[in-house]
């Protein structure tokens, strides 16, 4: 129970206990003035009825406030759930967009890698051709260089 309910029940219990202990006085009839008219009635019972009516009204208003609070909480809970759903959809949309963007970039990089592999193959083929040309030039140089060196050695021997 909430503190205000416990307090209200405790006060009502004290009023009822007071009325029970002083019932003779509460039930004693007397002239009661209601501003416009006078009535012969027990003042204690009238006051007890007023306390009872005020207690019922208090309970009614507290119940109404509790109900309004619960309805407001429910409305806020729904709004929060909608906001969460919107955030989740937004996040999912961003992730999908990122996946598409990354997929496009990966495809572009894959195309560039394929082009680089093709260029690398062409360069290797060109290096092979150049290596063959260098090998032929080196072989020719050896033949001519040996010839030139031998001719110089022969010239030196002759001199």
Protein backbone atom coordinates (compact mmCIF):
# COMPACT_ATOMS: atom_id res chain seq x y z
CA UNK A 1 0.00 0.00 0.00
CA UNK A 2 1.07 3.55 -0.63
CA UNK A 3 1.87 5.86 2.30
CA UNK A 4 -1.11 8.16 1.72
CA UNK A 5 -3.49 5.19 1.72
CA UNK A 6 -2.00 3.81 4.93
CA UNK A 7 -2.31 7.24 6.56
CA UNK A 8 -5.93 7.61 5.46
CA UNK A 9 -6.89 4.15 6.73
CA UNK A 10 -5.13 4.83 10.04
CA UNK A 11 -6.95 8.14 10.51
CA UNK A 12 -10.30 6.56 9.66
CA UNK A 13 -9.63 3.81 12.17
CA UNK A 14 -8.86 6.39 14.86
CA UNK A 15 -12.07 8.34 14.08
CA UNK A 16 -14.15 5.14 14.23
CA UNK A 17 -12.47 4.13 17.49
CA UNK A 18 -13.18 7.57 18.93
CA UNK A 19 -16.81 7.35 17.80
CA UNK A 20 -17.21 3.85 19.29
CA UNK A 21 -15.75 4.89 22.64
CA UNK A 22 -17.99 7.97 22.79
CA UNK A 23 -21.09 6.51 21.13
CA UNK A 24 -23.46 7.78 23.83
CA UNK A 25 -22.31 11.33 23.24
CA UNK A 26 -22.37 10.91 19.43
CA UNK A 27 -25.92 9.56 19.51
CA UNK A 28 -27.19 12.31 21.85
CA UNK A 29 -29.74 14.49 20.05
CA UNK A 30 -29.44 18.23 19.95
CA UNK A 31 -30.47 21.26 17.93
CA UNK A 32 -28.25 21.53 14.84
CA UNK A 33 -28.22 24.80 12.89
CA UNK A 34 -27.74 24.48 9.09
CA UNK A 35 -27.72 28.28 8.47
CA UNK A 36 -31.12 28.29 6.70
CA UNK A 37 -32.93 25.87 8.99
CA UNK A 38 -32.59 24.09 12.30
CA UNK A 39 -32.92 20.36 12.86
CA UNK A 40 -33.09 18.22 15.95
CA UNK A 41 -30.50 15.46 15.25
CA UNK A 42 -27.42 13.85 16.80
CA UNK A 43 -24.45 16.16 15.97
CA UNK A 44 -21.90 13.35 16.38
CA UNK A 45 -23.61 11.18 13.74
CA UNK A 46 -23.81 14.12 11.34
CA UNK A 47 -20.08 14.82 11.81
CA UNK A 48 -19.32 11.11 11.43
CA UNK A 49 -21.32 11.04 8.17
CA UNK A 50 -19.40 14.11 6.93
CA UNK A 51 -16.07 12.36 7.70
CA UNK A 52 -17.32 9.24 5.90
CA UNK A 53 -18.39 11.24 2.84
CA UNK A 54 -15.06 13.08 2.79
CA UNK A 55 -13.23 9.75 3.03
CA UNK A 56 -15.19 8.33 0.11
CA UNK A 57 -14.50 11.49 -1.94
CA UNK A 58 -10.82 11.34 -1.02
CA UNK A 59 -10.65 7.70 -2.09
CA UNK A 60 -12.47 8.54 -5.32
CA UNK A 61 -10.06 11.39 -6.17
CA UNK A 62 -6.97 9.38 -5.25
CA UNK A 63 -8.26 6.52 -7.41
CA UNK A 64 -8.86 8.96 -10.24
CA UNK A 65 -5.32 10.34 -9.91
CA UNK A 66 -3.88 6.83 -9.85
CA UNK A 67 -5.86 5.91 -12.96
CA UNK A 68 -4.74 9.08 -14.75
CA UNK A 69 -1.16 8.32 -13.75
CA UNK A 70 -1.42 4.75 -15.06
CA UNK A 71 -2.95 5.93 -18.33
CA UNK A 72 -0.20 8.54 -18.73
CA UNK A 73 2.44 5.91 -18.00
CA UNK A 74 0.90 3.58 -20.55
CA UNK A 75 0.81 6.35 -23.14
CA UNK A 76 4.46 7.19 -22.47
CA UNK A 77 5.37 3.52 -22.63
CA UNK A 78 3.75 3.24 -26.05
CA UNK A 79 5.52 6.41 -27.22
CA UNK A 80 8.81 5.04 -25.94
CA UNK A 81 8.22 1.72 -27.70
CA UNK A 82 7.42 3.56 -30.93
CA UNK A 83 10.60 5.61 -30.55
CA UNK A 84 12.59 2.41 -29.99
CA UNK A 85 11.04 0.83 -33.06
CA UNK A 86 11.78 3.95 -35.11
CA UNK A 87 15.38 3.96 -33.86
CA UNK A 88 15.73 0.25 -34.67
CA UNK A 89 14.33 0.77 -38.17
CA UNK A 90 16.59 3.78 -38.67
CA UNK A 91 19.60 1.81 -37.49
CA UNK A 92 18.67 -1.10 -39.74
CA UNK A 93 18.30 1.30 -42.66
CA UNK A 94 21.70 2.83 -41.94
CA UNK A 95 23.28 -0.62 -41.70
CA UNK A 96 21.68 -1.66 -44.99
CA UNK A 97 22.93 1.55 -46.60
CA UNK A 98 26.43 0.95 -45.22
CA UNK A 99 26.38 -2.63 -46.49
CA UNK A 100 25.38 -1.43 -49.95
CA UNK A 101 28.04 1.29 -49.88
CA UNK A 102 30.72 -1.14 -48.68
CA UNK A 103 29.58 -3.71 -51.25
CA UNK A 104 29.99 -1.12 -53.99
CA UNK A 105 33.42 -0.15 -52.73
CA UNK A 106 34.48 -3.79 -52.47
CA UNK A 107 33.31 -4.40 -56.03
CA UNK A 108 35.23 -1.31 -57.20
CA UNK A 109 38.34 -2.51 -55.36
CA UNK A 110 37.89 -5.98 -56.80
CA UNK A 111 37.76 -4.47 -60.29
CA UNK A 112 40.91 -2.46 -59.56
CA UNK A 113 42.64 -5.56 -58.21
CA UNK A 114 41.70 -7.49 -61.35
CA UNK A 115 43.08 -4.63 -63.48
CA UNK A 116 46.29 -4.60 -61.41
CA UNK A 117 46.65 -8.36 -61.75
CA UNK A 118 46.25 -8.02 -65.52
CA UNK A 119 48.83 -5.21 -65.61
CA UNK A 120 51.14 -7.29 -63.41
CA UNK A 121 50.82 -10.18 -65.85
CA UNK A 122 51.62 -7.85 -68.76
CA UNK A 123 54.64 -6.44 -66.87
CA UNK A 124 55.90 -9.97 -66.10
CA UNK A 125 55.56 -10.89 -69.77
CA UNK A 126 57.43 -7.70 -70.72
CA UNK A 127 60.15 -8.45 -68.13
CA UNK A 128 60.51 -11.95 -69.59
CA UNK A 129 60.95 -10.44 -73.05
CA UNK A 130 63.49 -7.94 -71.71
CA UNK A 131 65.34 -10.71 -69.87
CA UNK A 132 65.61 -12.67 -73.10
CA UNK A 133 66.92 -9.60 -74.92
CA UNK A 134 69.45 -8.95 -72.13
CA UNK A 135 70.50 -12.62 -72.21
CA UNK A 136 71.04 -12.41 -75.98
CA UNK A 137 73.01 -9.16 -75.62
CA UNK A 138 75.10 -10.66 -72.81
CA UNK A 139 75.84 -13.75 -74.89
CA UNK A 140 76.81 -11.59 -77.85
CA UNK A 141 78.99 -9.39 -75.65
CA UNK A 142 80.76 -12.44 -74.31
CA UNK A 143 81.50 -13.59 -77.81
CA UNK A 144 82.66 -10.19 -79.02
CA UNK A 145 84.30 -9.26 -75.68
CA UNK A 146 86.31 -12.44 -75.67
CA UNK A 147 87.27 -11.73 -79.24
CA UNK A 148 88.30 -8.15 -78.44
CA UNK A 149 90.23 -9.20 -75.35
CA UNK A 150 92.02 -11.96 -77.29
CA UNK A 151 92.86 -9.56 -80.07
CA UNK A 152 94.32 -7.07 -77.58
CA UNK A 153 96.35 -9.83 -75.89
CA UNK A 154 97.67 -10.92 -79.25
CA UNK A 155 98.56 -7.32 -80.12
CA UNK A 156 100.42 -6.94 -76.85
CA UNK A 157 102.34 -10.14 -77.39
CA UNK A 158 103.34 -9.09 -80.83
CA UNK A 159 104.65 -5.75 -79.71
